[in-house]
Amino acid sequence: MSTHRTLLPACLMALGALAFEASATELVYTPVNPSFGGNPLNGAYLLGNAQSQDDHKDPDAMSRSATTTSALSRFTSQLESRLLSQLLTDVSDGKGGGSLTTNDFIVNIVDLDGMLTVQITDRLTGEMSEIIINGIAP
């Protein structure tokens, strides 16, 4: 009789569980990453998380930061560019040739009756380059 007493509650519980209707829905996967079809608003959040976890350093980053120029170097470069531009403008206006000497180069501009010669000399190596332009009207 003791087996009937323990078996009866178990059977009643099983019948009670079967009495309720079982329902389920289909599981649908929705990606999070916008690269794979997820919400585009997640992009900045995911990128921020990835960058905060990134502990790898770019080996070229140090060499790029070391090549940044100082304000004096940028000013000197801009001034040299402006002076060379003015020299070429003077030649095109018929004011003759001229010369510009920098730390790196010597630039000589000679205008002989419509034939413009630009001589560029590298001060470090002594290498010389020459550009000849014909047909410049004075």
C-alpha atoms as a PDB file:
ATOM      1  CA  MET A   1       0.000   0.000   0.000  1.00  0.00           C
ATOM      2  CA  SER A   2       2.828   2.369   0.582  1.00  0.00           C
ATOM      3  CA  THR A   3       3.744   2.310  -3.099  1.00  0.00           C
ATOM      4  CA  HIS A   4       0.221   3.429  -4.021  1.00  0.00           C
ATOM      5  CA  ARG A   5       0.416   6.367  -1.662  1.00  0.00           C
ATOM      6  CA  THR A   6       3.677   7.662  -3.170  1.00  0.00           C
ATOM      7  CA  LEU A   7       2.650   6.850  -6.699  1.00  0.00           C
ATOM      8  CA  LEU A   8      -0.702   8.642  -6.530  1.00  0.00           C
ATOM      9  CA  PRO A   9       0.680  12.174  -5.944  1.00  0.00           C
ATOM     10  CA  ALA A  10       3.255  11.701  -8.699  1.00  0.00           C
ATOM     11  CA  CYS A  11       0.557  10.626 -11.166  1.00  0.00           C
ATOM     12  CA  LEU A  12      -1.647  13.533 -10.186  1.00  0.00           C
ATOM     13  CA  MET A  13       1.217  15.951 -10.779  1.00  0.00           C
ATOM     14  CA  ALA A  14       1.932  14.415 -14.176  1.00  0.00           C
ATOM     15  CA  LEU A  15      -1.726  14.670 -15.183  1.00  0.00           C
ATOM     16  CA  GLY A  16      -1.834  18.265 -13.946  1.00  0.00           C
ATOM     17  CA  ALA A  17       1.210  19.163 -16.036  1.00  0.00           C
ATOM     18  CA  LEU A  18      -0.363  17.598 -19.122  1.00  0.00           C
ATOM     19  CA  ALA A  19      -3.598  19.494 -18.579  1.00  0.00           C
ATOM     20  CA  PHE A  20      -1.921  22.818 -19.269  1.00  0.00           C
ATOM     21  CA  GLU A  21      -1.432  23.601 -22.909  1.00  0.00           C
ATOM     22  CA  ALA A  22       2.192  23.857 -23.876  1.00  0.00           C
ATOM     23  CA  SER A  23       3.071  26.848 -26.038  1.00  0.00           C
ATOM     24  CA  ALA A  24       6.347  27.924 -27.564  1.00  0.00           C
ATOM     25  CA  THR A  25       7.496  30.467 -30.077  1.00  0.00           C
ATOM     26  CA  GLU A  26      10.167  30.296 -32.710  1.00  0.00           C
ATOM     27  CA  LEU A  27      13.562  31.607 -31.645  1.00  0.00           C
ATOM     28  CA  VAL A  28      14.874  34.301 -34.013  1.00  0.00           C
ATOM     29  CA  TYR A  29      18.490  35.403 -33.920  1.00  0.00           C
ATOM     30  CA  THR A  30      19.036  39.126 -34.379  1.00  0.00           C
ATOM     31  CA  PRO A  31      22.671  40.170 -34.850  1.00  0.00           C
ATOM     32  CA  VAL A  32      24.063  42.995 -32.751  1.00  0.00           C
ATOM     33  CA  ASN A  33      26.937  44.027 -35.021  1.00  0.00           C
ATOM     34  CA  PRO A  34      25.783  46.382 -37.817  1.00  0.00           C
ATOM     35  CA  SER A  35      28.303  44.770 -40.181  1.00  0.00           C
ATOM     36  CA  PHE A  36      26.245  41.598 -40.015  1.00  0.00           C
ATOM     37  CA  GLY A  37      22.777  43.124 -40.235  1.00  0.00           C
ATOM     38  CA  GLY A  38      22.391  44.486 -36.710  1.00  0.00           C
ATOM     39  CA  ASN A  39      21.129  47.889 -35.682  1.00  0.00           C
ATOM     40  CA  PRO A  40      23.391  50.651 -37.139  1.00  0.00           C
ATOM     41  CA  LEU A  41      23.132  52.581 -33.875  1.00  0.00           C
ATOM     42  CA  ASN A  42      25.194  49.861 -32.178  1.00  0.00           C
ATOM     43  CA  GLY A  43      28.275  50.662 -34.290  1.00  0.00           C
ATOM     44  CA  ALA A  44      29.767  53.436 -32.174  1.00  0.00           C
ATOM     45  CA  TYR A  45      29.133  51.517 -28.967  1.00  0.00           C
ATOM     46  CA  LEU A  46      30.780  48.349 -30.270  1.00  0.00           C
ATOM     47  CA  LEU A  47      33.749  50.266 -31.684  1.00  0.00           C
ATOM     48  CA  GLY A  48      34.263  52.058 -28.367  1.00  0.00           C
ATOM     49  CA  ASN A  49      34.220  48.757 -26.508  1.00  0.00           C
ATOM     50  CA  ALA A  50      36.678  47.193 -28.946  1.00  0.00           C
ATOM     51  CA  GLN A  51      39.089  50.124 -28.727  1.00  0.00           C
ATOM     52  CA  SER A  52      38.971  50.180 -24.939  1.00  0.00           C
ATOM     53  CA  GLN A  53      39.937  46.485 -24.840  1.00  0.00           C
ATOM     54  CA  ASP A  54      42.661  46.768 -27.489  1.00  0.00           C
ATOM     55  CA  ASP A  55      46.038  46.506 -25.767  1.00  0.00           C
ATOM     56  CA  HIS A  56      48.080  46.061 -28.959  1.00  0.00           C
ATOM     57  CA  LYS A  57      50.207  49.023 -29.971  1.00  0.00           C
ATOM     58  CA  ASP A  58      50.877  50.055 -33.557  1.00  0.00           C
ATOM     59  CA  PRO A  59      54.620  49.666 -34.182  1.00  0.00           C
ATOM     60  CA  ASP A  60      54.558  52.579 -36.633  1.00  0.00           C
ATOM     61  CA  ALA A  61      52.799  54.900 -34.182  1.00  0.00           C
ATOM     62  CA  MET A  62      56.012  55.886 -32.438  1.00  0.00           C
ATOM     63  CA  SER A  63      57.843  56.682 -35.672  1.00  0.00           C
ATOM     64  CA  ARG A  64      54.893  58.749 -36.925  1.00  0.00           C
ATOM     65  CA  SER A  65      54.690  60.774 -33.731  1.00  0.00           C
ATOM     66  CA  ALA A  66      58.456  61.321 -33.757  1.00  0.00           C
ATOM     67  CA  THR A  67      58.266  62.931 -37.195  1.00  0.00           C
ATOM     68  CA  THR A  68      55.919  65.720 -36.154  1.00  0.00           C
ATOM     69  CA  THR A  69      57.433  69.076 -36.972  1.00  0.00           C
ATOM     70  CA  SER A  70      57.849  71.926 -34.579  1.00  0.00           C
ATOM     71  CA  ALA A  71      56.155  75.276 -35.035  1.00  0.00           C
ATOM     72  CA  LEU A  72      59.491  76.805 -36.084  1.00  0.00           C
ATOM     73  CA  SER A  73      60.012  74.147 -38.768  1.00  0.00           C
ATOM     74  CA  ARG A  74      56.497  74.650 -40.138  1.00  0.00           C
ATOM     75  CA  PHE A  75      56.937  78.431 -40.172  1.00  0.00           C
ATOM     76  CA  THR A  76      60.297  78.147 -41.927  1.00  0.00           C
ATOM     77  CA  SER A  77      58.853  75.798 -44.525  1.00  0.00           C
ATOM     78  CA  GLN A  78      55.898  78.090 -45.187  1.00  0.00           C
ATOM     79  CA  LEU A  79      58.149  81.135 -45.439  1.00  0.00           C
ATOM     80  CA  GLU A  80      60.471  79.373 -47.892  1.00  0.00           C
ATOM     81  CA  SER A  81      57.473  78.358 -49.973  1.00  0.00           C
ATOM     82  CA  ARG A  82      56.128  81.925 -49.951  1.00  0.00           C
ATOM     83  CA  LEU A  83      59.510  83.409 -50.948  1.00  0.00           C
ATOM     84  CA  LEU A  84      59.926  80.906 -53.785  1.00  0.00           C
ATOM     85  CA  SER A  85      56.416  81.700 -54.977  1.00  0.00           C
ATOM     86  CA  GLN A  86      57.185  85.435 -54.898  1.00  0.00           C
ATOM     87  CA  LEU A  87      60.420  84.852 -56.808  1.00  0.00           C
ATOM     88  CA  LEU A  88      58.562  82.952 -59.539  1.00  0.00           C
ATOM     89  CA  THR A  89      55.873  85.658 -59.647  1.00  0.00           C
ATOM     90  CA  ASP A  90      58.553  88.323 -60.118  1.00  0.00           C
ATOM     91  CA  VAL A  91      60.045  86.344 -63.000  1.00  0.00           C
ATOM     92  CA  SER A  92      56.664  85.936 -64.673  1.00  0.00           C
ATOM     93  CA  ASP A  93      56.055  89.702 -64.282  1.00  0.00           C
ATOM     94  CA  GLY A  94      59.299  90.381 -66.187  1.00  0.00           C
ATOM     95  CA  LYS A  95      61.351  91.516 -63.200  1.00  0.00           C
ATOM     96  CA  GLY A  96      64.267  89.244 -64.054  1.00  0.00           C
ATOM     97  CA  GLY A  97      65.635  86.249 -62.183  1.00  0.00           C
ATOM     98  CA  GLY A  98      66.654  85.714 -58.634  1.00  0.00           C
ATOM     99  CA  SER A  99      68.019  83.321 -56.091  1.00  0.00           C
ATOM    100  CA  LEU A 100      66.794  81.671 -52.903  1.00  0.00           C
ATOM    101  CA  THR A 101      69.065  79.841 -50.462  1.00  0.00           C
ATOM    102  CA  THR A 102      67.616  77.586 -47.753  1.00  0.00           C
ATOM    103  CA  ASN A 103      69.177  75.088 -45.357  1.00  0.00           C
ATOM    104  CA  ASP A 104      68.616  72.310 -47.889  1.00  0.00           C
ATOM    105  CA  PHE A 105      68.599  73.901 -51.339  1.00  0.00           C
ATOM    106  CA  ILE A 106      69.904  76.726 -53.492  1.00  0.00           C
ATOM    107  CA  VAL A 107      67.415  77.823 -56.139  1.00  0.00           C
ATOM    108  CA  ASN A 108      68.628  80.055 -58.987  1.00  0.00           C
ATOM    109  CA  ILE A 109      66.162  81.408 -61.519  1.00  0.00           C
ATOM    110  CA  VAL A 110      67.507  82.956 -64.701  1.00  0.00           C
ATOM    111  CA  ASP A 111      65.345  84.536 -67.411  1.00  0.00           C
ATOM    112  CA  LEU A 112      67.097  85.024 -70.750  1.00  0.00           C
ATOM    113  CA  ASP A 113      64.775  86.447 -73.426  1.00  0.00           C
ATOM    114  CA  GLY A 114      61.850  84.153 -72.723  1.00  0.00           C
ATOM    115  CA  MET A 115      63.901  81.110 -71.771  1.00  0.00           C
ATOM    116  CA  LEU A 116      63.436  80.455 -68.066  1.00  0.00           C
ATOM    117  CA  THR A 117      66.049  78.285 -66.343  1.00  0.00           C
ATOM    118  CA  VAL A 118      65.498  77.051 -62.789  1.00  0.00           C
ATOM    119  CA  GLN A 119      68.579  75.487 -61.198  1.00  0.00           C
ATOM    120  CA  ILE A 120      68.064  73.580 -57.953  1.00  0.00           C
ATOM    121  CA  THR A 121      71.139  72.472 -56.009  1.00  0.00           C
ATOM    122  CA  ASP A 122      71.012  70.141 -53.014  1.00  0.00           C
ATOM    123  CA  ARG A 123      73.387  71.672 -50.470  1.00  0.00           C
ATOM    124  CA  LEU A 124      74.037  68.361 -48.717  1.00  0.00           C
ATOM    125  CA  THR A 125      74.937  66.200 -51.716  1.00  0.00           C
ATOM    126  CA  GLY A 126      75.769  68.843 -54.321  1.00  0.00           C
ATOM    127  CA  GLU A 127      73.327  67.191 -56.723  1.00  0.00           C
ATOM    128  CA  MET A 128      71.923  69.642 -59.232  1.00  0.00           C
ATOM    129  CA  SER A 129      68.652  69.645 -61.135  1.00  0.00           C
ATOM    130  CA  GLU A 130      67.774  72.027 -63.932  1.00  0.00           C
ATOM    131  CA  ILE A 131      64.382  72.908 -65.362  1.00  0.00           C
ATOM    132  CA  ILE A 132      64.252  74.829 -68.648  1.00  0.00           C
ATOM    133  CA  ILE A 133      61.044  76.465 -69.862  1.00  0.00           C
ATOM    134  CA  ASN A 134      60.882  78.012 -73.341  1.00  0.00           C
ATOM    135  CA  GLY A 135      58.388  80.550 -74.588  1.00  0.00           C
ATOM    136  CA  ILE A 136      57.935  82.715 -71.505  1.00  0.00           C
ATOM    137  CA  ALA A 137      57.014  86.160 -72.784  1.00  0.00           C
ATOM    138  CA  PRO A 138      58.569  89.068 -70.855  1.00  0.00           C
END
